[in-house]
Amino acid sequence: MGLSTHVLDTMHGAPAVGMSVALYVTDGEQATLVKRFTLNADGRTDAPLYDNHTLKVGTYRLVFDVAAYFKSRGVVLPQPNFLDRVALDFGVAHTDQHYHVPLLVSPWAYSTYRGS
């Protein structure tokens, strides 16, 4: 299946519908934008970010626009925001495997893991 992601809003106990996300390919400090997308009603993308034929060994970054999402839900955030954008850097070593990168997030905390 390649590479996929989803986001769960732990403050509201729901998928992060409408959150903006950007995917980058990284090489050291250099990051090249691959695509920007908005999460669907399940807090997921409509299709994999890469399938196993287009996914390459290397390093990647997903940047989740957390503060804008919570503001759109009516959450009053302190200024400056505690979390604005959450960037997750990760590596892909085996292109024949599925890399799923979920994010569980509130305005004050987040966690991630390699999902299945």
PDB file of N, CA and C in Angstrom:
ATOM      1  N   MET A   1       0.811  -1.195   0.000  1.00  0.00           N
ATOM      2  CA  MET A   1       0.000   0.000   0.000  1.00  0.00           C
ATOM      3  C   MET A   1       0.854   1.258   0.000  1.00  0.00           C
ATOM      4  N   GLY A   2       2.141   1.211   0.346  1.00  0.00           N
ATOM      5  CA  GLY A   2       2.986   2.389   0.266  1.00  0.00           C
ATOM      6  C   GLY A   2       2.996   3.220   1.516  1.00  0.00           C
ATOM      7  N   LEU A   3       2.581   4.486   1.397  1.00  0.00           N
ATOM      8  CA  LEU A   3       2.608   5.440   2.497  1.00  0.00           C
ATOM      9  C   LEU A   3       1.232   6.047   2.686  1.00  0.00           C
ATOM     10  N   SER A   4       0.777   6.078   3.947  1.00  0.00           N
ATOM     11  CA  SER A   4      -0.513   6.690   4.273  1.00  0.00           C
ATOM     12  C   SER A   4      -0.415   7.369   5.633  1.00  0.00           C
ATOM     13  N   THR A   5      -1.427   8.188   5.938  1.00  0.00           N
ATOM     14  CA  THR A   5      -1.483   8.876   7.222  1.00  0.00           C
ATOM     15  C   THR A   5      -2.940   9.072   7.619  1.00  0.00           C
ATOM     16  N   HIS A   6      -3.152   9.326   8.879  1.00  0.00           N
ATOM     17  CA  HIS A   6      -4.450   9.807   9.351  1.00  0.00           C
ATOM     18  C   HIS A   6      -4.228  10.542  10.666  1.00  0.00           C
ATOM     19  N   VAL A   7      -5.220  11.373  11.031  1.00  0.00           N
ATOM     20  CA  VAL A   7      -5.098  12.183  12.245  1.00  0.00           C
ATOM     21  C   VAL A   7      -6.358  12.014  13.077  1.00  0.00           C
ATOM     22  N   LEU A   8      -6.149  11.773  14.371  1.00  0.00           N
ATOM     23  CA  LEU A   8      -7.246  11.730  15.339  1.00  0.00           C
ATOM     24  C   LEU A   8      -7.121  12.928  16.267  1.00  0.00           C
ATOM     25  N   ASP A   9      -8.193  13.666  16.385  1.00  0.00           N
ATOM     26  CA  ASP A   9      -8.303  14.820  17.261  1.00  0.00           C
ATOM     27  C   ASP A   9      -8.678  14.277  18.639  1.00  0.00           C
ATOM     28  N   THR A  10      -7.697  14.236  19.547  1.00  0.00           N
ATOM     29  CA  THR A  10      -7.952  13.643  20.863  1.00  0.00           C
ATOM     30  C   THR A  10      -8.711  14.591  21.787  1.00  0.00           C
ATOM     31  N   MET A  11      -8.765  15.876  21.458  1.00  0.00           N
ATOM     32  CA  MET A  11      -9.552  16.819  22.261  1.00  0.00           C
ATOM     33  C   MET A  11     -11.044  16.554  22.081  1.00  0.00           C
ATOM     34  N   HIS A  12     -11.444  16.297  20.846  1.00  0.00           N
ATOM     35  CA  HIS A  12     -12.856  16.085  20.540  1.00  0.00           C
ATOM     36  C   HIS A  12     -13.217  14.609  20.357  1.00  0.00           C
ATOM     37  N   GLY A  13     -12.231  13.731  20.379  1.00  0.00           N
ATOM     38  CA  GLY A  13     -12.500  12.305  20.205  1.00  0.00           C
ATOM     39  C   GLY A  13     -13.049  11.981  18.829  1.00  0.00           C
ATOM     40  N   ALA A  14     -12.440  12.579  17.794  1.00  0.00           N
ATOM     41  CA  ALA A  14     -12.966  12.419  16.438  1.00  0.00           C
ATOM     42  C   ALA A  14     -11.837  12.533  15.418  1.00  0.00           C
ATOM     43  N   PRO A  15     -12.085  12.078  14.192  1.00  0.00           N
ATOM     44  CA  PRO A  15     -11.096  12.297  13.127  1.00  0.00           C
ATOM     45  C   PRO A  15     -10.918  13.802  12.885  1.00  0.00           C
ATOM     46  N   ALA A  16      -9.727  14.194  12.463  1.00  0.00           N
ATOM     47  CA  ALA A  16      -9.411  15.605  12.216  1.00  0.00           C
ATOM     48  C   ALA A  16      -9.833  15.990  10.795  1.00  0.00           C
ATOM     49  N   VAL A  17     -11.132  16.070  10.601  1.00  0.00           N
ATOM     50  CA  VAL A  17     -11.723  16.392   9.291  1.00  0.00           C
ATOM     51  C   VAL A  17     -11.267  17.784   8.853  1.00  0.00           C
ATOM     52  N   GLY A  18     -10.740  17.884   7.646  1.00  0.00           N
ATOM     53  CA  GLY A  18     -10.374  19.174   7.083  1.00  0.00           C
ATOM     54  C   GLY A  18      -9.000  19.691   7.452  1.00  0.00           C
ATOM     55  N   MET A  19      -8.214  18.929   8.233  1.00  0.00           N
ATOM     56  CA  MET A  19      -6.865  19.393   8.571  1.00  0.00           C
ATOM     57  C   MET A  19      -6.004  19.431   7.319  1.00  0.00           C
ATOM     58  N   SER A  20      -5.218  20.483   7.178  1.00  0.00           N
ATOM     59  CA  SER A  20      -4.272  20.616   6.068  1.00  0.00           C
ATOM     60  C   SER A  20      -2.957  19.948   6.441  1.00  0.00           C
ATOM     61  N   VAL A  21      -2.380  19.244   5.466  1.00  0.00           N
ATOM     62  CA  VAL A  21      -1.134  18.512   5.671  1.00  0.00           C
ATOM     63  C   VAL A  21      -0.257  18.718   4.440  1.00  0.00           C
ATOM     64  N   ALA A  22       1.049  18.723   4.652  1.00  0.00           N
ATOM     65  CA  ALA A  22       2.001  18.793   3.542  1.00  0.00           C
ATOM     66  C   ALA A  22       2.978  17.630   3.666  1.00  0.00           C
ATOM     67  N   LEU A  23       3.329  17.050   2.538  1.00  0.00           N
ATOM     68  CA  LEU A  23       4.297  15.964   2.468  1.00  0.00           C
ATOM     69  C   LEU A  23       5.550  16.467   1.769  1.00  0.00           C
ATOM     70  N   TYR A  24       6.705  16.207   2.370  1.00  0.00           N
ATOM     71  CA  TYR A  24       7.998  16.588   1.809  1.00  0.00           C
ATOM     72  C   TYR A  24       8.903  15.367   1.703  1.00  0.00           C
ATOM     73  N   VAL A  25       9.794  15.393   0.732  1.00  0.00           N
ATOM     74  CA  VAL A  25      10.931  14.486   0.673  1.00  0.00           C
ATOM     75  C   VAL A  25      12.089  15.272   1.266  1.00  0.00           C
ATOM     76  N   THR A  26      12.874  14.650   2.150  1.00  0.00           N
ATOM     77  CA  THR A  26      13.972  15.374   2.786  1.00  0.00           C
ATOM     78  C   THR A  26      15.316  14.761   2.422  1.00  0.00           C
ATOM     79  N   ASP A  27      16.315  15.617   2.457  1.00  0.00           N
ATOM     80  CA  ASP A  27      17.708  15.211   2.239  1.00  0.00           C
ATOM     81  C   ASP A  27      18.547  16.096   3.144  1.00  0.00           C
ATOM     82  N   GLY A  28      18.856  15.598   4.326  1.00  0.00           N
ATOM     83  CA  GLY A  28      19.522  16.432   5.331  1.00  0.00           C
ATOM     84  C   GLY A  28      18.581  17.539   5.756  1.00  0.00           C
ATOM     85  N   GLU A  29      19.044  18.785   5.667  1.00  0.00           N
ATOM     86  CA  GLU A  29      18.217  19.943   6.036  1.00  0.00           C
ATOM     87  C   GLU A  29      17.319  20.409   4.890  1.00  0.00           C
ATOM     88  N   GLN A  30      17.529  19.874   3.701  1.00  0.00           N
ATOM     89  CA  GLN A  30      16.748  20.263   2.517  1.00  0.00           C
ATOM     90  C   GLN A  30      15.420  19.495   2.500  1.00  0.00           C
ATOM     91  N   ALA A  31      14.315  20.198   2.309  1.00  0.00           N
ATOM     92  CA  ALA A  31      12.990  19.579   2.210  1.00  0.00           C
ATOM     93  C   ALA A  31      12.326  20.060   0.925  1.00  0.00           C
ATOM     94  N   THR A  32      11.849  19.120   0.130  1.00  0.00           N
ATOM     95  CA  THR A  32      11.187  19.441  -1.132  1.00  0.00           C
ATOM     96  C   THR A  32       9.720  19.054  -1.030  1.00  0.00           C
ATOM     97  N   LEU A  33       8.836  20.023  -1.240  1.00  0.00           N
ATOM     98  CA  LEU A  33       7.402  19.765  -1.165  1.00  0.00           C
ATOM     99  C   LEU A  33       6.983  18.798  -2.263  1.00  0.00           C
ATOM    100  N   VAL A  34       6.259  17.751  -1.873  1.00  0.00           N
ATOM    101  CA  VAL A  34       5.701  16.783  -2.825  1.00  0.00           C
ATOM    102  C   VAL A  34       4.247  17.128  -3.105  1.00  0.00           C
ATOM    103  N   LYS A  35       3.477  17.351  -2.026  1.00  0.00           N
ATOM    104  CA  LYS A  35       2.062  17.707  -2.190  1.00  0.00           C
ATOM    105  C   LYS A  35       1.480  18.242  -0.903  1.00  0.00           C
ATOM    106  N   ARG A  36       0.408  19.002  -1.067  1.00  0.00           N
ATOM    107  CA  ARG A  36      -0.423  19.467   0.052  1.00  0.00           C
ATOM    108  C   ARG A  36      -1.787  18.816  -0.126  1.00  0.00           C
ATOM    109  N   PHE A  37      -2.427  18.504   0.989  1.00  0.00           N
ATOM    110  CA  PHE A  37      -3.734  17.859   0.903  1.00  0.00           C
ATOM    111  C   PHE A  37      -4.532  18.157   2.158  1.00  0.00           C
ATOM    112  N   THR A  38      -5.826  17.886   2.078  1.00  0.00           N
ATOM    113  CA  THR A  38      -6.752  18.093   3.186  1.00  0.00           C
ATOM    114  C   THR A  38      -7.348  16.746   3.560  1.00  0.00           C
ATOM    115  N   LEU A  39      -7.426  16.486   4.856  1.00  0.00           N
ATOM    116  CA  LEU A  39      -7.943  15.197   5.328  1.00  0.00           C
ATOM    117  C   LEU A  39      -9.455  15.117   5.162  1.00  0.00           C
ATOM    118  N   ASN A  40      -9.927  13.925   4.829  1.00  0.00           N
ATOM    119  CA  ASN A  40     -11.349  13.698   4.554  1.00  0.00           C
ATOM    120  C   ASN A  40     -12.143  13.453   5.847  1.00  0.00           C
ATOM    121  N   ALA A  41     -13.367  13.001   5.714  1.00  0.00           N
ATOM    122  CA  ALA A  41     -14.284  12.805   6.847  1.00  0.00           C
ATOM    123  C   ALA A  41     -13.795  11.751   7.840  1.00  0.00           C
ATOM    124  N   ASP A  42     -12.860  10.891   7.418  1.00  0.00           N
ATOM    125  CA  ASP A  42     -12.269   9.906   8.323  1.00  0.00           C
ATOM    126  C   ASP A  42     -10.932  10.372   8.873  1.00  0.00           C
ATOM    127  N   GLY A  43     -10.545  11.627   8.568  1.00  0.00           N
ATOM    128  CA  GLY A  43      -9.246  12.134   9.007  1.00  0.00           C
ATOM    129  C   GLY A  43      -8.099  11.505   8.234  1.00  0.00           C
ATOM    130  N   ARG A  44      -8.390  11.046   7.028  1.00  0.00           N
ATOM    131  CA  ARG A  44      -7.413  10.352   6.181  1.00  0.00           C
ATOM    132  C   ARG A  44      -7.346  11.010   4.816  1.00  0.00           C
ATOM    133  N   THR A  45      -6.403  10.549   4.019  1.00  0.00           N
ATOM    134  CA  THR A  45      -6.354  10.958   2.620  1.00  0.00           C
ATOM    135  C   THR A  45      -7.285  10.046   1.832  1.00  0.00           C
ATOM    136  N   ASP A  46      -7.722  10.513   0.689  1.00  0.00           N
ATOM    137  CA  ASP A  46      -8.620   9.697  -0.138  1.00  0.00           C
ATOM    138  C   ASP A  46      -7.881   8.546  -0.824  1.00  0.00           C
ATOM    139  N   ALA A  47      -6.578   8.675  -0.980  1.00  0.00           N
ATOM    140  CA  ALA A  47      -5.750   7.645  -1.617  1.00  0.00           C
ATOM    141  C   ALA A  47      -4.396   7.638  -0.915  1.00  0.00           C
ATOM    142  N   PRO A  48      -3.639   6.556  -1.044  1.00  0.00           N
ATOM    143  CA  PRO A  48      -2.294   6.545  -0.451  1.00  0.00           C
ATOM    144  C   PRO A  48      -1.461   7.721  -0.972  1.00  0.00           C
ATOM    145  N   LEU A  49      -0.557   8.214  -0.135  1.00  0.00           N
ATOM    146  CA  LEU A  49       0.345   9.290  -0.556  1.00  0.00           C
ATOM    147  C   LEU A  49       1.333   8.776  -1.597  1.00  0.00           C
ATOM    148  N   TYR A  50       1.762   7.551  -1.436  1.00  0.00           N
ATOM    149  CA  TYR A  50       2.568   6.819  -2.410  1.00  0.00           C
ATOM    150  C   TYR A  50       2.075   5.387  -2.407  1.00  0.00           C
ATOM    151  N   ASP A  51       2.104   4.723  -3.541  1.00  0.00           N
ATOM    152  CA  ASP A  51       1.877   3.282  -3.554  1.00  0.00           C
ATOM    153  C   ASP A  51       3.245   2.611  -3.523  1.00  0.00           C
ATOM    154  N   ASN A  52       3.292   1.279  -3.448  1.00  0.00           N
ATOM    155  CA  ASN A  52       4.571   0.578  -3.340  1.00  0.00           C
ATOM    156  C   ASN A  52       5.438   0.735  -4.593  1.00  0.00           C
ATOM    157  N   HIS A  53       4.847   1.106  -5.718  1.00  0.00           N
ATOM    158  CA  HIS A  53       5.621   1.278  -6.943  1.00  0.00           C
ATOM    159  C   HIS A  53       6.293   2.644  -7.006  1.00  0.00           C
ATOM    160  N   THR A  54       5.743   3.650  -6.337  1.00  0.00           N
ATOM    161  CA  THR A  54       6.310   4.992  -6.401  1.00  0.00           C
ATOM    162  C   THR A  54       7.051   5.398  -5.122  1.00  0.00           C
ATOM    163  N   LEU A  55       6.832   4.667  -4.015  1.00  0.00           N
ATOM    164  CA  LEU A  55       7.540   4.946  -2.774  1.00  0.00           C
ATOM    165  C   LEU A  55       9.015   4.577  -2.937  1.00  0.00           C
ATOM    166  N   LYS A  56       9.893   5.452  -2.470  1.00  0.00           N
ATOM    167  CA  LYS A  56      11.335   5.220  -2.577  1.00  0.00           C
ATOM    168  C   LYS A  56      11.962   5.187  -1.187  1.00  0.00           C
ATOM    169  N   VAL A  57      13.035   4.425  -1.065  1.00  0.00           N
ATOM    170  CA  VAL A  57      13.818   4.431   0.165  1.00  0.00           C
ATOM    171  C   VAL A  57      14.317   5.855   0.374  1.00  0.00           C
ATOM    172  N   GLY A  58      14.184   6.347   1.599  1.00  0.00           N
ATOM    173  CA  GLY A  58      14.646   7.702   1.886  1.00  0.00           C
ATOM    174  C   GLY A  58      13.969   8.275   3.101  1.00  0.00           C
ATOM    175  N   THR A  59      14.082   9.599   3.246  1.00  0.00           N
ATOM    176  CA  THR A  59      13.510  10.280   4.395  1.00  0.00           C
ATOM    177  C   THR A  59      12.434  11.254   3.930  1.00  0.00           C
ATOM    178  N   TYR A  60      11.424  11.396   4.781  1.00  0.00           N
ATOM    179  CA  TYR A  60      10.233  12.164   4.452  1.00  0.00           C
ATOM    180  C   TYR A  60       9.828  13.002   5.654  1.00  0.00           C
ATOM    181  N   ARG A  61       8.959  13.977   5.400  1.00  0.00           N
ATOM    182  CA  ARG A  61       8.400  14.815   6.472  1.00  0.00           C
ATOM    183  C   ARG A  61       6.922  15.057   6.170  1.00  0.00           C
ATOM    184  N   LEU A  62       6.085  14.840   7.159  1.00  0.00           N
ATOM    185  CA  LEU A  62       4.682  15.244   7.106  1.00  0.00           C
ATOM    186  C   LEU A  62       4.523  16.431   8.050  1.00  0.00           C
ATOM    187  N   VAL A  63       3.898  17.508   7.566  1.00  0.00           N
ATOM    188  CA  VAL A  63       3.673  18.696   8.390  1.00  0.00           C
ATOM    189  C   VAL A  63       2.164  18.909   8.498  1.00  0.00           C
ATOM    190  N   PHE A  64       1.665  18.837   9.714  1.00  0.00           N
ATOM    191  CA  PHE A  64       0.237  18.930  10.006  1.00  0.00           C
ATOM    192  C   PHE A  64      -0.064  20.324  10.554  1.00  0.00           C
ATOM    193  N   ASP A  65      -1.041  21.022   9.983  1.00  0.00           N
ATOM    194  CA  ASP A  65      -1.394  22.379  10.385  1.00  0.00           C
ATOM    195  C   ASP A  65      -2.388  22.318  11.552  1.00  0.00           C
ATOM    196  N   VAL A  66      -1.846  22.045  12.719  1.00  0.00           N
ATOM    197  CA  VAL A  66      -2.634  21.748  13.924  1.00  0.00           C
ATOM    198  C   VAL A  66      -3.394  22.974  14.436  1.00  0.00           C
ATOM    199  N   ALA A  67      -2.721  24.111  14.599  1.00  0.00           N
ATOM    200  CA  ALA A  67      -3.387  25.294  15.171  1.00  0.00           C
ATOM    201  C   ALA A  67      -4.536  25.756  14.286  1.00  0.00           C
ATOM    202  N   ALA A  68      -4.318  25.811  12.982  1.00  0.00           N
ATOM    203  CA  ALA A  68      -5.396  26.248  12.073  1.00  0.00           C
ATOM    204  C   ALA A  68      -6.588  25.298  12.166  1.00  0.00           C
ATOM    205  N   TYR A  69      -6.313  24.011  12.290  1.00  0.00           N
ATOM    206  CA  TYR A  69      -7.406  23.036  12.423  1.00  0.00           C
ATOM    207  C   TYR A  69      -8.221  23.318  13.688  1.00  0.00           C
ATOM    208  N   PHE A  70      -7.551  23.451  14.839  1.00  0.00           N
ATOM    209  CA  PHE A  70      -8.289  23.662  16.086  1.00  0.00           C
ATOM    210  C   PHE A  70      -9.020  25.006  16.094  1.00  0.00           C
ATOM    211  N   LYS A  71      -8.414  26.030  15.507  1.00  0.00           N
ATOM    212  CA  LYS A  71      -9.108  27.314  15.394  1.00  0.00           C
ATOM    213  C   LYS A  71     -10.366  27.164  14.552  1.00  0.00           C
ATOM    214  N   SER A  72     -10.296  26.363  13.486  1.00  0.00           N
ATOM    215  CA  SER A  72     -11.484  26.155  12.640  1.00  0.00           C
ATOM    216  C   SER A  72     -12.587  25.414  13.388  1.00  0.00           C
ATOM    217  N   ARG A  73     -12.224  24.687  14.443  1.00  0.00           N
ATOM    218  CA  ARG A  73     -13.197  23.994  15.286  1.00  0.00           C
ATOM    219  C   ARG A  73     -13.707  24.877  16.415  1.00  0.00           C
ATOM    220  N   GLY A  74     -13.276  26.134  16.456  1.00  0.00           N
ATOM    221  CA  GLY A  74     -13.748  27.061  17.480  1.00  0.00           C
ATOM    222  C   GLY A  74     -12.971  27.036  18.778  1.00  0.00           C
ATOM    223  N   VAL A  75     -11.848  26.344  18.801  1.00  0.00           N
ATOM    224  CA  VAL A  75     -11.028  26.286  20.010  1.00  0.00           C
ATOM    225  C   VAL A  75     -10.259  27.602  20.138  1.00  0.00           C
ATOM    226  N   VAL A  76     -10.345  28.233  21.294  1.00  0.00           N
ATOM    227  CA  VAL A  76      -9.600  29.461  21.561  1.00  0.00           C
ATOM    228  C   VAL A  76      -8.210  29.052  22.038  1.00  0.00           C
ATOM    229  N   LEU A  77      -7.208  29.417  21.264  1.00  0.00           N
ATOM    230  CA  LEU A  77      -5.833  29.039  21.569  1.00  0.00           C
ATOM    231  C   LEU A  77      -5.064  30.233  22.119  1.00  0.00           C
ATOM    232  N   PRO A  78      -4.105  29.986  23.027  1.00  0.00           N
ATOM    233  CA  PRO A  78      -3.276  31.083  23.519  1.00  0.00           C
ATOM    234  C   PRO A  78      -2.386  31.594  22.385  1.00  0.00           C
ATOM    235  N   GLN A  79      -1.958  32.843  22.498  1.00  0.00           N
ATOM    236  CA  GLN A  79      -1.043  33.403  21.503  1.00  0.00           C
ATOM    237  C   GLN A  79       0.284  33.704  22.172  1.00  0.00           C
ATOM    238  N   PRO A  80       1.377  33.181  21.713  1.00  0.00           N
ATOM    239  CA  PRO A  80       1.436  32.307  20.547  1.00  0.00           C
ATOM    240  C   PRO A  80       0.888  30.916  20.874  1.00  0.00           C
ATOM    241  N   ASN A  81       0.523  30.186  19.816  1.00  0.00           N
ATOM    242  CA  ASN A  81      -0.001  28.825  19.983  1.00  0.00           C
ATOM    243  C   ASN A  81       1.069  27.941  20.613  1.00  0.00           C
ATOM    244  N   PHE A  82       0.656  27.020  21.475  1.00  0.00           N
ATOM    245  CA  PHE A  82       1.610  26.060  22.011  1.00  0.00           C
ATOM    246  C   PHE A  82       2.103  25.158  20.885  1.00  0.00           C
ATOM    247  N   LEU A  83       1.175  24.612  20.104  1.00  0.00           N
ATOM    248  CA  LEU A  83       1.519  23.854  18.896  1.00  0.00           C
ATOM    249  C   LEU A  83       0.934  24.596  17.712  1.00  0.00           C
ATOM    250  N   ASP A  84       1.739  24.861  16.720  1.00  0.00           N
ATOM    251  CA  ASP A  84       1.258  25.501  15.498  1.00  0.00           C
ATOM    252  C   ASP A  84       1.182  24.443  14.404  1.00  0.00           C
ATOM    253  N   ARG A  85       2.324  24.058  13.914  1.00  0.00           N
ATOM    254  CA  ARG A  85       2.408  22.950  12.958  1.00  0.00           C
ATOM    255  C   ARG A  85       3.228  21.850  13.598  1.00  0.00           C
ATOM    256  N   VAL A  86       2.825  20.614  13.383  1.00  0.00           N
ATOM    257  CA  VAL A  86       3.577  19.463  13.867  1.00  0.00           C
ATOM    258  C   VAL A  86       4.258  18.822  12.671  1.00  0.00           C
ATOM    259  N   ALA A  87       5.582  18.733  12.735  1.00  0.00           N
ATOM    260  CA  ALA A  87       6.366  18.113  11.668  1.00  0.00           C
ATOM    261  C   ALA A  87       6.877  16.761  12.151  1.00  0.00           C
ATOM    262  N   LEU A  88       6.599  15.731  11.376  1.00  0.00           N
ATOM    263  CA  LEU A  88       7.079  14.390  11.683  1.00  0.00           C
ATOM    264  C   LEU A  88       8.063  13.964  10.604  1.00  0.00           C
ATOM    265  N   ASP A  89       9.315  13.749  10.989  1.00  0.00           N
ATOM    266  CA  ASP A  89      10.337  13.253  10.073  1.00  0.00           C
ATOM    267  C   ASP A  89      10.462  11.755  10.283  1.00  0.00           C
ATOM    268  N   PHE A  90      10.503  11.012   9.198  1.00  0.00           N
ATOM    269  CA  PHE A  90      10.582   9.553   9.294  1.00  0.00           C
ATOM    270  C   PHE A  90      11.307   9.004   8.080  1.00  0.00           C
ATOM    271  N   GLY A  91      11.788   7.776   8.220  1.00  0.00           N
ATOM    272  CA  GLY A  91      12.519   7.128   7.137  1.00  0.00           C
ATOM    273  C   GLY A  91      11.783   5.911   6.616  1.00  0.00           C
ATOM    274  N   VAL A  92      11.960   5.667   5.328  1.00  0.00           N
ATOM    275  CA  VAL A  92      11.415   4.480   4.665  1.00  0.00           C
ATOM    276  C   VAL A  92      12.599   3.622   4.237  1.00  0.00           C
ATOM    277  N   ALA A  93      12.688   2.420   4.786  1.00  0.00           N
ATOM    278  CA  ALA A  93      13.799   1.518   4.482  1.00  0.00           C
ATOM    279  C   ALA A  93      13.408   0.404   3.515  1.00  0.00           C
ATOM    280  N   HIS A  94      12.113   0.055   3.482  1.00  0.00           N
ATOM    281  CA  HIS A  94      11.651  -1.091   2.683  1.00  0.00           C
ATOM    282  C   HIS A  94      10.416  -0.688   1.881  1.00  0.00           C
ATOM    283  N   THR A  95      10.565  -0.519   0.597  1.00  0.00           N
ATOM    284  CA  THR A  95       9.455  -0.046  -0.235  1.00  0.00           C
ATOM    285  C   THR A  95       8.407  -1.116  -0.501  1.00  0.00           C
ATOM    286  N   ASP A  96       8.678  -2.351  -0.106  1.00  0.00           N
ATOM    287  CA  ASP A  96       7.679  -3.410  -0.265  1.00  0.00           C
ATOM    288  C   ASP A  96       6.763  -3.508   0.953  1.00  0.00           C
ATOM    289  N   GLN A  97       6.961  -2.639   1.944  1.00  0.00           N
ATOM    290  CA  GLN A  97       6.143  -2.632   3.149  1.00  0.00           C
ATOM    291  C   GLN A  97       5.230  -1.409   3.161  1.00  0.00           C
ATOM    292  N   HIS A  98       4.203  -1.478   4.000  1.00  0.00           N
ATOM    293  CA  HIS A  98       3.300  -0.345   4.170  1.00  0.00           C
ATOM    294  C   HIS A  98       3.804   0.515   5.321  1.00  0.00           C
ATOM    295  N   TYR A  99       3.945   1.801   5.074  1.00  0.00           N
ATOM    296  CA  TYR A  99       4.305   2.765   6.102  1.00  0.00           C
ATOM    297  C   TYR A  99       3.080   3.640   6.365  1.00  0.00           C
ATOM    298  N   HIS A 100       2.503   3.473   7.550  1.00  0.00           N
ATOM    299  CA  HIS A 100       1.347   4.273   7.950  1.00  0.00           C
ATOM    300  C   HIS A 100       1.801   5.159   9.100  1.00  0.00           C
ATOM    301  N   VAL A 101       1.593   6.485   8.965  1.00  0.00           N
ATOM    302  CA  VAL A 101       2.076   7.451   9.953  1.00  0.00           C
ATOM    303  C   VAL A 101       0.882   8.197  10.537  1.00  0.00           C
ATOM    304  N   PRO A 102       0.302   7.678  11.614  1.00  0.00           N
ATOM    305  CA  PRO A 102      -0.825   8.358  12.253  1.00  0.00           C
ATOM    306  C   PRO A 102      -0.348   9.436  13.222  1.00  0.00           C
ATOM    307  N   LEU A 103      -1.217  10.413  13.442  1.00  0.00           N
ATOM    308  CA  LEU A 103      -0.966  11.465  14.416  1.00  0.00           C
ATOM    309  C   LEU A 103      -2.181  11.557  15.329  1.00  0.00           C
ATOM    310  N   LEU A 104      -1.947  11.503  16.619  1.00  0.00           N
ATOM    311  CA  LEU A 104      -2.985  11.753  17.621  1.00  0.00           C
ATOM    312  C   LEU A 104      -2.639  13.104  18.221  1.00  0.00           C
ATOM    313  N   VAL A 105      -3.585  14.060  18.199  1.00  0.00           N
ATOM    314  CA  VAL A 105      -3.206  15.424  18.534  1.00  0.00           C
ATOM    315  C   VAL A 105      -4.307  16.185  19.275  1.00  0.00           C
ATOM    316  N   SER A 106      -3.875  17.048  20.172  1.00  0.00           N
ATOM    317  CA  SER A 106      -4.722  18.046  20.827  1.00  0.00           C
ATOM    318  C   SER A 106      -3.974  19.370  20.671  1.00  0.00           C
ATOM    319  N   PRO A 107      -4.516  20.470  21.153  1.00  0.00           N
ATOM    320  CA  PRO A 107      -3.770  21.729  21.059  1.00  0.00           C
ATOM    321  C   PRO A 107      -2.492  21.753  21.909  1.00  0.00           C
ATOM    322  N   TRP A 108      -2.334  20.763  22.823  1.00  0.00           N
ATOM    323  CA  TRP A 108      -1.222  20.791  23.763  1.00  0.00           C
ATOM    324  C   TRP A 108      -0.327  19.565  23.731  1.00  0.00           C
ATOM    325  N   ALA A 109      -0.655  18.564  22.924  1.00  0.00           N
ATOM    326  CA  ALA A 109       0.160  17.347  22.922  1.00  0.00           C
ATOM    327  C   ALA A 109      -0.089  16.560  21.628  1.00  0.00           C
ATOM    328  N   TYR A 110       0.905  15.730  21.281  1.00  0.00           N
ATOM    329  CA  TYR A 110       0.717  14.830  20.149  1.00  0.00           C
ATOM    330  C   TYR A 110       1.555  13.581  20.336  1.00  0.00           C
ATOM    331  N   SER A 111       1.164  12.534  19.634  1.00  0.00           N
ATOM    332  CA  SER A 111       1.956  11.310  19.601  1.00  0.00           C
ATOM    333  C   SER A 111       1.776  10.676  18.230  1.00  0.00           C
ATOM    334  N   THR A 112       2.740   9.844  17.908  1.00  0.00           N
ATOM    335  CA  THR A 112       2.713   9.147  16.620  1.00  0.00           C
ATOM    336  C   THR A 112       3.361   7.791  16.797  1.00  0.00           C
ATOM    337  N   TYR A 113       3.240   6.967  15.790  1.00  0.00           N
ATOM    338  CA  TYR A 113       3.845   5.637  15.801  1.00  0.00           C
ATOM    339  C   TYR A 113       3.799   5.120  14.365  1.00  0.00           C
ATOM    340  N   ARG A 114       4.498   4.037  14.101  1.00  0.00           N
ATOM    341  CA  ARG A 114       4.380   3.412  12.788  1.00  0.00           C
ATOM    342  C   ARG A 114       3.189   2.460  12.863  1.00  0.00           C
ATOM    343  N   GLY A 115       2.139   2.818  12.169  1.00  0.00           N
ATOM    344  CA  GLY A 115       0.925   2.013  12.175  1.00  0.00           C
ATOM    345  C   GLY A 115       0.993   0.906  11.155  1.00  0.00           C
ATOM    346  N   SER A 116      -0.105   0.186  11.049  1.00  0.00           N
ATOM    347  CA  SER A 116      -0.171  -0.928  10.100  1.00  0.00           C
ATOM    348  C   SER A 116      -1.144  -0.630   8.992  1.00  0.00           C
TER     349      SER A 116
END
